[in-house]
C-alpha atoms as a PDB file:
ATOM      1  CA  MET A   1       0.040  -0.220  -0.106  1.00  0.00           C
ATOM      2  CA  THR A   2       1.401   3.718  -0.931  1.00  0.00           C
ATOM      3  CA  GLN A   3       2.170   5.575   1.851  1.00  0.00           C
ATOM      4  CA  LYS A   4      -0.069   8.517   1.870  1.00  0.00           C
ATOM      5  CA  ILE A   5       1.037  12.276   2.048  1.00  0.00           C
ATOM      6  CA  ARG A   6       1.093  13.957   5.480  1.00  0.00           C
ATOM      7  CA  ILE A   7      -0.065  17.911   5.651  1.00  0.00           C
ATOM      8  CA  LYS A   8       1.195  20.414   8.069  1.00  0.00           C
ATOM      9  CA  THR A   9      -1.911  21.315  10.235  1.00  0.00           C
ATOM     10  CA  GLY A  10      -1.794  25.016  11.404  1.00  0.00           C
ATOM     11  CA  THR A  11      -0.112  26.066   8.320  1.00  0.00           C
ATOM     12  CA  VAL A  12      -0.538  27.365   4.769  1.00  0.00           C
ATOM     13  CA  GLU A  13      -0.372  24.118   3.634  1.00  0.00           C
ATOM     14  CA  GLU A  14      -3.691  23.215   5.272  1.00  0.00           C
ATOM     15  CA  THR A  15      -5.550  25.884   3.737  1.00  0.00           C
ATOM     16  CA  LEU A  16      -4.833  24.383   0.205  1.00  0.00           C
ATOM     17  CA  LEU A  17      -6.878  21.505   1.119  1.00  0.00           C
ATOM     18  CA  LEU A  18     -10.342  23.789   1.219  1.00  0.00           C
ATOM     19  CA  PRO A  19     -10.411  24.719  -2.444  1.00  0.00           C
ATOM     20  CA  LEU A  20      -8.941  20.856  -3.526  1.00  0.00           C
ATOM     21  CA  TRP A  21     -11.639  19.399  -1.378  1.00  0.00           C
ATOM     22  CA  GLY A  22     -14.314  21.786  -2.814  1.00  0.00           C
ATOM     23  CA  ARG A  23     -13.500  20.236  -6.372  1.00  0.00           C
ATOM     24  CA  ALA A  24     -12.996  16.808  -5.452  1.00  0.00           C
ATOM     25  CA  TYR A  25     -16.553  16.778  -3.908  1.00  0.00           C
ATOM     26  CA  GLU A  26     -18.115  18.136  -6.643  1.00  0.00           C
ATOM     27  CA  THR A  27     -16.619  15.746  -9.099  1.00  0.00           C
ATOM     28  CA  GLN A  28     -18.212  12.866  -7.171  1.00  0.00           C
ATOM     29  CA  LYS A  29     -21.693  14.109  -7.211  1.00  0.00           C
ATOM     30  CA  SER A  30     -24.010  12.567  -9.534  1.00  0.00           C
ATOM     31  CA  ASN A  31     -24.543  15.866 -11.535  1.00  0.00           C
ATOM     32  CA  PRO A  32     -21.121  17.567 -11.030  1.00  0.00           C
ATOM     33  CA  ARG A  33     -20.998  21.414 -12.345  1.00  0.00           C
ATOM     34  CA  LEU A  34     -17.112  20.821 -12.620  1.00  0.00           C
ATOM     35  CA  VAL A  35     -15.261  17.566 -13.322  1.00  0.00           C
ATOM     36  CA  ASP A  36     -12.068  17.581 -11.613  1.00  0.00           C
ATOM     37  CA  GLN A  37     -10.655  13.935 -11.673  1.00  0.00           C
ATOM     38  CA  ASN A  38      -7.008  15.197 -10.766  1.00  0.00           C
ATOM     39  CA  ALA A  39      -8.698  17.060  -7.285  1.00  0.00           C
ATOM     40  CA  VAL A  40     -10.032  13.187  -6.691  1.00  0.00           C
ATOM     41  CA  GLU A  41      -6.840  11.698  -7.055  1.00  0.00           C
ATOM     42  CA  ILE A  42      -4.656  14.125  -4.968  1.00  0.00           C
ATOM     43  CA  ILE A  43      -7.458  13.942  -2.073  1.00  0.00           C
ATOM     44  CA  GLN A  44      -7.159   9.915  -2.350  1.00  0.00           C
ATOM     45  CA  GLN A  45      -3.335  10.311  -1.626  1.00  0.00           C
ATOM     46  CA  ILE A  46      -3.258  12.544   1.253  1.00  0.00           C
ATOM     47  CA  ASP A  47      -3.477  11.684   4.857  1.00  0.00           C
ATOM     48  CA  TYR A  48      -6.050  14.055   6.405  1.00  0.00           C
ATOM     49  CA  ASP A  49      -9.265  13.732   7.989  1.00  0.00           C
ATOM     50  CA  PHE A  50     -11.570  16.031   5.799  1.00  0.00           C
ATOM     51  CA  SER A  51     -14.649  15.612   8.282  1.00  0.00           C
ATOM     52  CA  ASP A  52     -14.649  19.005   9.791  1.00  0.00           C
ATOM     53  CA  ILE A  53     -14.305  20.699   6.025  1.00  0.00           C
ATOM     54  CA  GLU A  54     -17.418  18.268   4.936  1.00  0.00           C
ATOM     55  CA  LYS A  55     -19.500  19.529   7.952  1.00  0.00           C
ATOM     56  CA  THR A  56     -18.715  23.255   7.862  1.00  0.00           C
ATOM     57  CA  GLN A  57     -18.006  24.153   4.172  1.00  0.00           C
ATOM     58  CA  SER A  58     -20.882  23.221   2.179  1.00  0.00           C
ATOM     59  CA  MET A  59     -21.434  26.913   1.311  1.00  0.00           C
ATOM     60  CA  SER A  60     -18.110  27.692   0.930  1.00  0.00           C
ATOM     61  CA  GLN A  61     -17.893  24.490  -1.600  1.00  0.00           C
ATOM     62  CA  HIS A  62     -20.202  26.337  -3.937  1.00  0.00           C
ATOM     63  CA  GLY A  63     -17.975  29.131  -3.886  1.00  0.00           C
ATOM     64  CA  TRP A  64     -14.807  27.440  -4.601  1.00  0.00           C
ATOM     65  CA  VAL A  65     -16.579  25.480  -7.622  1.00  0.00           C
ATOM     66  CA  ALA A  66     -17.843  28.802  -8.728  1.00  0.00           C
ATOM     67  CA  ARG A  67     -14.378  30.475  -8.800  1.00  0.00           C
ATOM     68  CA  SER A  68     -13.030  27.425 -10.834  1.00  0.00           C
ATOM     69  CA  LEU A  69     -15.451  27.389 -13.629  1.00  0.00           C
ATOM     70  CA  HIS A  70     -15.309  31.666 -13.715  1.00  0.00           C
ATOM     71  CA  THR A  71     -11.186  30.899 -14.287  1.00  0.00           C
ATOM     72  CA  ASP A  72     -11.717  28.048 -16.817  1.00  0.00           C
ATOM     73  CA  LYS A  73     -13.851  29.912 -18.966  1.00  0.00           C
ATOM     74  CA  MET A  74     -11.904  33.274 -18.855  1.00  0.00           C
ATOM     75  CA  ALA A  75      -8.613  31.172 -19.540  1.00  0.00           C
ATOM     76  CA  HIS A  76     -10.252  29.452 -22.433  1.00  0.00           C
ATOM     77  CA  GLY A  77     -11.246  32.587 -23.658  1.00  0.00           C
ATOM     78  CA  PHE A  78      -8.062  34.007 -23.715  1.00  0.00           C
ATOM     79  CA  ILE A  79      -6.587  31.037 -25.074  1.00  0.00           C
ATOM     80  CA  GLU A  80      -8.866  31.368 -27.860  1.00  0.00           C
ATOM     81  CA  GLN A  81      -7.138  34.660 -28.662  1.00  0.00           C
ATOM     82  CA  HIS A  82      -3.638  33.802 -27.922  1.00  0.00           C
ATOM     83  CA  PRO A  83      -3.189  29.912 -28.458  1.00  0.00           C
ATOM     84  CA  GLU A  84       0.608  30.044 -27.204  1.00  0.00           C
ATOM     85  CA  ALA A  85      -0.148  32.016 -24.104  1.00  0.00           C
ATOM     86  CA  THR A  86       1.598  32.299 -21.445  1.00  0.00           C
ATOM     87  CA  ILE A  87      -0.295  31.644 -18.112  1.00  0.00           C
ATOM     88  CA  VAL A  88       1.281  32.400 -14.402  1.00  0.00           C
ATOM     89  CA  ASN A  89      -0.907  30.796 -11.585  1.00  0.00           C
ATOM     90  CA  ILE A  90       0.230  32.884  -8.490  1.00  0.00           C
ATOM     91  CA  GLY A  91      -0.176  31.225  -5.155  1.00  0.00           C
ATOM     92  CA  CYS A  92      -1.083  28.055  -7.171  1.00  0.00           C
ATOM     93  CA  GLY A  93      -1.465  25.800  -4.050  1.00  0.00           C
ATOM     94  CA  LEU A  94      -2.911  22.159  -5.123  1.00  0.00           C
ATOM     95  CA  ASP A  95      -4.657  23.678  -8.169  1.00  0.00           C
ATOM     96  CA  THR A  96      -5.641  21.810 -11.168  1.00  0.00           C
ATOM     97  CA  THR A  97      -6.389  24.431 -13.599  1.00  0.00           C
ATOM     98  CA  PHE A  98      -3.666  23.736 -16.192  1.00  0.00           C
ATOM     99  CA  SER A  99      -5.413  19.871 -16.527  1.00  0.00           C
ATOM    100  CA  ARG A 100      -8.525  21.554 -17.342  1.00  0.00           C
ATOM    101  CA  ILE A 101      -7.457  24.284 -19.912  1.00  0.00           C
ATOM    102  CA  ASP A 102      -4.279  23.136 -21.702  1.00  0.00           C
ATOM    103  CA  ASN A 103      -4.681  23.272 -25.370  1.00  0.00           C
ATOM    104  CA  GLY A 104      -1.390  21.436 -25.968  1.00  0.00           C
ATOM    105  CA  LYS A 105       0.364  24.630 -26.734  1.00  0.00           C
ATOM    106  CA  ILE A 106       0.414  27.163 -23.515  1.00  0.00           C
ATOM    107  CA  MET A 107       3.303  27.940 -21.611  1.00  0.00           C
ATOM    108  CA  PHE A 108       1.791  27.575 -17.900  1.00  0.00           C
ATOM    109  CA  TYR A 109       3.597  28.282 -14.569  1.00  0.00           C
ATOM    110  CA  GLU A 110       2.837  27.175 -11.152  1.00  0.00           C
ATOM    111  CA  LEU A 111       4.152  29.781  -8.761  1.00  0.00           C
ATOM    112  CA  ASP A 112       4.072  29.257  -4.769  1.00  0.00           C
ATOM    113  CA  LEU A 113       6.087  29.330  -1.821  1.00  0.00           C
ATOM    114  CA  PRO A 114       9.123  26.436  -1.635  1.00  0.00           C
ATOM    115  CA  ASP A 115       7.015  24.676   0.780  1.00  0.00           C
ATOM    116  CA  VAL A 116       3.980  24.360  -1.627  1.00  0.00           C
ATOM    117  CA  ILE A 117       5.886  23.470  -4.561  1.00  0.00           C
ATOM    118  CA  ALA A 118       7.530  20.720  -2.566  1.00  0.00           C
ATOM    119  CA  LEU A 119       4.154  19.564  -1.768  1.00  0.00           C
ATOM    120  CA  ARG A 120       3.069  19.688  -5.279  1.00  0.00           C
ATOM    121  CA  GLN A 121       6.055  17.869  -6.411  1.00  0.00           C
ATOM    122  CA  ASN A 122       4.172  14.603  -4.688  1.00  0.00           C
ATOM    123  CA  PHE A 123       1.520  14.819  -7.307  1.00  0.00           C
ATOM    124  CA  TYR A 124       2.868  16.541 -10.268  1.00  0.00           C
ATOM    125  CA  GLU A 125       6.119  16.586 -12.465  1.00  0.00           C
ATOM    126  CA  ASP A 126       7.287  19.640 -14.524  1.00  0.00           C
ATOM    127  CA  SER A 127       7.469  19.642 -18.292  1.00  0.00           C
ATOM    128  CA  ASP A 128       8.622  21.648 -21.131  1.00  0.00           C
ATOM    129  CA  ARG A 129       5.060  23.722 -20.764  1.00  0.00           C
ATOM    130  CA  HIS A 130       4.156  23.212 -17.190  1.00  0.00           C
ATOM    131  CA  LYS A 131       6.724  24.650 -14.836  1.00  0.00           C
ATOM    132  CA  SER A 132       6.937  24.948 -11.060  1.00  0.00           C
ATOM    133  CA  ILE A 133       8.424  28.329  -9.526  1.00  0.00           C
ATOM    134  CA  ALA A 134       9.175  28.310  -5.828  1.00  0.00           C
ATOM    135  CA  SER A 135       8.910  31.654  -4.717  1.00  0.00           C
ATOM    136  CA  SER A 136       6.762  34.384  -3.063  1.00  0.00           C
ATOM    137  CA  PHE A 137       4.963  36.211  -5.737  1.00  0.00           C
ATOM    138  CA  LEU A 138       6.157  39.584  -4.028  1.00  0.00           C
ATOM    139  CA  ASP A 139       9.905  38.480  -4.661  1.00  0.00           C
ATOM    140  CA  THR A 140       9.765  39.815  -8.289  1.00  0.00           C
ATOM    141  CA  GLN A 141      13.169  38.041  -9.128  1.00  0.00           C
ATOM    142  CA  TRP A 142      10.933  35.244 -10.634  1.00  0.00           C
ATOM    143  CA  PHE A 143       9.826  37.627 -13.451  1.00  0.00           C
ATOM    144  CA  LYS A 144      12.773  37.002 -15.411  1.00  0.00           C
ATOM    145  CA  ASP A 145      12.319  33.195 -15.441  1.00  0.00           C
ATOM    146  CA  ILE A 146       8.684  33.877 -17.328  1.00  0.00           C
ATOM    147  CA  GLU A 147       8.867  33.210 -21.032  1.00  0.00           C
ATOM    148  CA  VAL A 148       6.179  35.244 -22.793  1.00  0.00           C
ATOM    149  CA  ARG A 149       5.307  34.092 -26.683  1.00  0.00           C
ATOM    150  CA  ASP A 150       1.809  35.238 -27.056  1.00  0.00           C
ATOM    151  CA  GLY A 151      -0.498  37.106 -24.626  1.00  0.00           C
ATOM    152  CA  LEU A 152       0.492  36.804 -20.838  1.00  0.00           C
ATOM    153  CA  LEU A 153      -2.105  36.136 -18.281  1.00  0.00           C
ATOM    154  CA  PHE A 154      -2.022  36.178 -14.304  1.00  0.00           C
ATOM    155  CA  LEU A 155      -4.475  34.069 -12.603  1.00  0.00           C
ATOM    156  CA  ALA A 156      -4.593  34.536  -8.404  1.00  0.00           C
ATOM    157  CA  GLY A 157      -7.457  32.403  -6.916  1.00  0.00           C
ATOM    158  CA  GLY A 158      -7.718  32.458  -3.455  1.00  0.00           C
ATOM    159  CA  VAL A 159      -4.419  34.271  -2.588  1.00  0.00           C
ATOM    160  CA  LEU A 160      -4.466  38.158  -3.200  1.00  0.00           C
ATOM    161  CA  CYS A 161      -6.729  38.587  -0.005  1.00  0.00           C
ATOM    162  CA  TYR A 162      -4.089  37.205   2.301  1.00  0.00           C
ATOM    163  CA  PHE A 163      -1.818  40.274   1.788  1.00  0.00           C
ATOM    164  CA  ASN A 164      -2.235  43.931   2.553  1.00  0.00           C
ATOM    165  CA  GLU A 165      -3.620  46.437  -0.064  1.00  0.00           C
ATOM    166  CA  ASN A 166      -0.012  48.416  -0.064  1.00  0.00           C
ATOM    167  CA  GLN A 167       1.626  44.677  -0.983  1.00  0.00           C
ATOM    168  CA  ILE A 168      -0.865  44.230  -4.122  1.00  0.00           C
ATOM    169  CA  LYS A 169      -0.672  47.898  -5.374  1.00  0.00           C
ATOM    170  CA  THR A 170       3.330  47.461  -5.185  1.00  0.00           C
ATOM    171  CA  PHE A 171       3.193  44.442  -6.913  1.00  0.00           C
ATOM    172  CA  PHE A 172       0.669  45.531  -9.849  1.00  0.00           C
ATOM    173  CA  ILE A 173       2.978  48.485 -10.211  1.00  0.00           C
ATOM    174  CA  GLN A 174       6.027  46.148 -10.529  1.00  0.00           C
ATOM    175  CA  VAL A 175       4.219  44.053 -13.173  1.00  0.00           C
ATOM    176  CA  ALA A 176       3.559  47.127 -15.134  1.00  0.00           C
ATOM    177  CA  ASP A 177       7.083  48.444 -15.131  1.00  0.00           C
ATOM    178  CA  TYR A 178       8.598  44.902 -16.291  1.00  0.00           C
ATOM    179  CA  PHE A 179       5.963  43.439 -18.621  1.00  0.00           C
ATOM    180  CA  GLU A 180       4.704  45.376 -21.833  1.00  0.00           C
ATOM    181  CA  SER A 181       1.136  44.319 -21.216  1.00  0.00           C
ATOM    182  CA  CYS A 182      -0.856  41.625 -19.411  1.00  0.00           C
ATOM    183  CA  ASP A 183      -4.052  40.338 -18.044  1.00  0.00           C
ATOM    184  CA  PHE A 184      -5.211  39.361 -14.543  1.00  0.00           C
ATOM    185  CA  TYR A 185      -8.122  37.177 -13.320  1.00  0.00           C
ATOM    186  CA  PHE A 186      -8.578  36.969  -9.511  1.00  0.00           C
ATOM    187  CA  ASP A 187     -11.251  36.915  -6.925  1.00  0.00           C
ATOM    188  CA  SER A 188     -11.730  39.740  -4.759  1.00  0.00           C
ATOM    189  CA  LEU A 189     -13.248  39.964  -1.126  1.00  0.00           C
ATOM    190  CA  SER A 190     -14.934  43.328   0.254  1.00  0.00           C
ATOM    191  CA  PRO A 191     -14.059  44.058   3.716  1.00  0.00           C
ATOM    192  CA  MET A 192     -17.173  42.439   4.747  1.00  0.00           C
ATOM    193  CA  GLY A 193     -16.370  39.135   2.482  1.00  0.00           C
ATOM    194  CA  MET A 194     -12.839  39.151   4.446  1.00  0.00           C
ATOM    195  CA  LYS A 195     -14.771  38.963   8.028  1.00  0.00           C
ATOM    196  CA  PHE A 196     -16.869  36.168   6.744  1.00  0.00           C
ATOM    197  CA  ALA A 197     -13.623  34.471   5.244  1.00  0.00           C
ATOM    198  CA  LYS A 198     -12.084  34.370   8.484  1.00  0.00           C
ATOM    199  CA  LYS A 199     -15.045  33.303  10.585  1.00  0.00           C
ATOM    200  CA  GLN A 200     -16.720  30.918   8.580  1.00  0.00           C
ATOM    201  CA  VAL A 201     -14.282  29.543   6.592  1.00  0.00           C
ATOM    202  CA  LEU A 202     -10.587  28.914   8.434  1.00  0.00           C
ATOM    203  CA  LYS A 203     -12.080  28.969  11.733  1.00  0.00           C
ATOM    204  CA  LYS A 204     -15.095  26.334  11.207  1.00  0.00           C
ATOM    205  CA  GLY A 205     -13.273  24.418   8.996  1.00  0.00           C
ATOM    206  CA  GLY A 206     -10.905  23.466  11.698  1.00  0.00           C
ATOM    207  CA  MET A 207      -7.997  25.625  10.222  1.00  0.00           C
ATOM    208  CA  GLY A 208      -5.503  26.095  12.908  1.00  0.00           C
ATOM    209  CA  ILE A 209      -3.891  29.232  10.658  1.00  0.00           C
ATOM    210  CA  SER A 210      -5.106  32.814  11.736  1.00  0.00           C
ATOM    211  CA  MET A 211      -5.559  35.228   8.910  1.00  0.00           C
ATOM    212  CA  ASP A 212      -4.772  38.630  10.299  1.00  0.00           C
ATOM    213  CA  GLY A 213      -4.902  41.722   8.150  1.00  0.00           C
ATOM    214  CA  GLY A 214      -5.718  40.980   4.598  1.00  0.00           C
ATOM    215  CA  TRP A 215      -6.737  42.922   1.520  1.00  0.00           C
ATOM    216  CA  GLY A 216     -10.890  43.918   1.215  1.00  0.00           C
ATOM    217  CA  LEU A 217     -11.421  45.658  -2.040  1.00  0.00           C
ATOM    218  CA  LYS A 218     -14.750  47.954  -2.635  1.00  0.00           C
ATOM    219  CA  PRO A 219     -15.019  49.286  -5.436  1.00  0.00           C
ATOM    220  CA  VAL A 220     -13.240  47.210  -7.710  1.00  0.00           C
ATOM    221  CA  ASN A 221     -12.832  50.209  -9.867  1.00  0.00           C
ATOM    222  CA  ALA A 222     -10.344  51.674  -7.190  1.00  0.00           C
ATOM    223  CA  LEU A 223      -7.820  49.760  -8.632  1.00  0.00           C
ATOM    224  CA  GLU A 224      -7.574  52.304 -11.617  1.00  0.00           C
ATOM    225  CA  LYS A 225      -6.651  54.948  -9.340  1.00  0.00           C
ATOM    226  CA  TRP A 226      -3.291  53.035  -8.366  1.00  0.00           C
ATOM    227  CA  ASP A 227      -1.823  53.600 -11.864  1.00  0.00           C
ATOM    228  CA  LYS A 228      -2.876  54.826 -15.237  1.00  0.00           C
ATOM    229  CA  ARG A 229      -1.695  51.590 -16.708  1.00  0.00           C
ATOM    230  CA  ILE A 230      -4.529  49.936 -14.776  1.00  0.00           C
ATOM    231  CA  GLN A 231      -7.731  49.292 -16.399  1.00  0.00           C
ATOM    232  CA  VAL A 232     -10.746  47.086 -14.826  1.00  0.00           C
ATOM    233  CA  ILE A 233     -12.222  44.958 -17.658  1.00  0.00           C
ATOM    234  CA  ASN A 234     -15.329  43.704 -15.599  1.00  0.00           C
ATOM    235  CA  SER A 235     -16.188  42.422 -12.512  1.00  0.00           C
ATOM    236  CA  ILE A 236     -18.487  39.589 -11.906  1.00  0.00           C
ATOM    237  CA  PRO A 237     -20.435  38.584  -8.695  1.00  0.00           C
ATOM    238  CA  MET A 238     -18.946  35.270  -7.555  1.00  0.00           C
ATOM    239  CA  SER A 239     -22.304  33.601  -8.132  1.00  0.00           C
ATOM    240  CA  LYS A 240     -23.424  35.233 -11.296  1.00  0.00           C
ATOM    241  CA  GLY A 241     -24.510  32.270 -13.574  1.00  0.00           C
ATOM    242  CA  MET A 242     -23.426  29.405 -11.093  1.00  0.00           C
ATOM    243  CA  LYS A 243     -26.862  29.121  -8.928  1.00  0.00           C
ATOM    244  CA  GLN A 244     -28.379  26.330 -11.183  1.00  0.00           C
ATOM    245  CA  GLY A 245     -28.299  22.668  -9.481  1.00  0.00           C
ATOM    246  CA  ILE A 246     -27.475  23.948  -6.131  1.00  0.00           C
ATOM    247  CA  PRO A 247     -29.840  23.971  -2.801  1.00  0.00           C
ATOM    248  CA  PHE A 248     -32.424  26.820  -2.545  1.00  0.00           C
ATOM    249  CA  LYS A 249     -30.688  27.667   0.806  1.00  0.00           C
ATOM    250  CA  ALA A 250     -27.200  28.441  -0.713  1.00  0.00           C
ATOM    251  CA  LYS A 251     -28.791  30.124  -3.818  1.00  0.00           C
ATOM    252  CA  LEU A 252     -30.520  32.632  -1.430  1.00  0.00           C
ATOM    253  CA  ALA A 253     -27.216  32.982   0.524  1.00  0.00           C
ATOM    254  CA  SER A 254     -25.177  33.377  -2.787  1.00  0.00           C
ATOM    255  CA  THR A 255     -27.747  35.906  -4.102  1.00  0.00           C
ATOM    256  CA  ILE A 256     -27.404  38.035  -0.797  1.00  0.00           C
ATOM    257  CA  ALA A 257     -23.598  38.009  -1.200  1.00  0.00           C
ATOM    258  CA  ASP A 258     -23.545  38.859  -4.785  1.00  0.00           C
ATOM    259  CA  MET A 259     -26.282  41.866  -3.735  1.00  0.00           C
ATOM    260  CA  LEU A 260     -23.966  42.999  -1.018  1.00  0.00           C
ATOM    261  CA  GLY A 261     -20.774  42.709  -3.238  1.00  0.00           C
ATOM    262  CA  VAL A 262     -19.112  40.336  -0.735  1.00  0.00           C
ATOM    263  CA  CYS A 263     -17.056  38.526  -3.589  1.00  0.00           C
ATOM    264  CA  ALA A 264     -16.332  38.988  -7.088  1.00  0.00           C
ATOM    265  CA  MET A 265     -14.183  37.868 -10.244  1.00  0.00           C
ATOM    266  CA  VAL A 266     -12.117  40.674 -11.366  1.00  0.00           C
ATOM    267  CA  HIS A 267     -10.624  40.891 -15.242  1.00  0.00           C
ATOM    268  CA  MET A 268      -7.699  43.610 -14.641  1.00  0.00           C
ATOM    269  CA  ARG A 269      -5.618  44.739 -17.534  1.00  0.00           C
ATOM    270  CA  ILE A 270      -2.058  45.971 -17.447  1.00  0.00           C
ATOM    271  CA  SER A 271      -1.357  48.088 -20.809  1.00  0.00           C
ATOM    272  CA  HIS A 272       1.090  50.957 -21.487  1.00  0.00           C
ATOM    273  CA  CYS A 273      -1.166  52.195 -24.393  1.00  0.00           C
END
């Protein structure tokens, strides 16, 4: 019997399990909105008690699936316009986006802290078009490792909210200074959404990690005030178009959250034009 991979509890590693479990759980439903067999296979290789997550995260699970569906749609659209696109998955964790969107031509980078990349290597091997970079995204030395042949897209799912506004602003400006043009696609939480995430997700999910500070964004168009090269292309409420097939209680809660602007998917463009 193959020995399972142990996860360090009370660390960032543990939080990586939340969206991974969400996708795996969805995949095993009789009528899944998202099929992610890779997530199922990874879950089966991990030595971890998921019972607390399963008991407490039914609402958040819909959000994790919605985020993946939005991201897949965005990435597919970008790849249609840029068949040899370069995509950088910031704070990749145990994400499996590449396996769902690869067209056989794109260049895809998985970027995360060294411990996370080491954990990923239990499940993935790098290839010529799918490479890992072990670094904080704030340490921009990794910029020089990115090969851009066509368009450049940065994905950042469930990561930017862990940092403060000044860190994110500085990072976006550094990207604008280094790269000629690029697109960003990420989820944003309002200040209200930040409070919900800390209480309902990390604490109730049995996560031992604390989440002090963080970046709450509202309104989304405030990003354009940071630098004239930043343009918000659109902002979509997280649950928009994602309510079909979910329980009534979840539909009601997600509708209210969308009305209050709790969480959104943001498409931002950096351009020198």
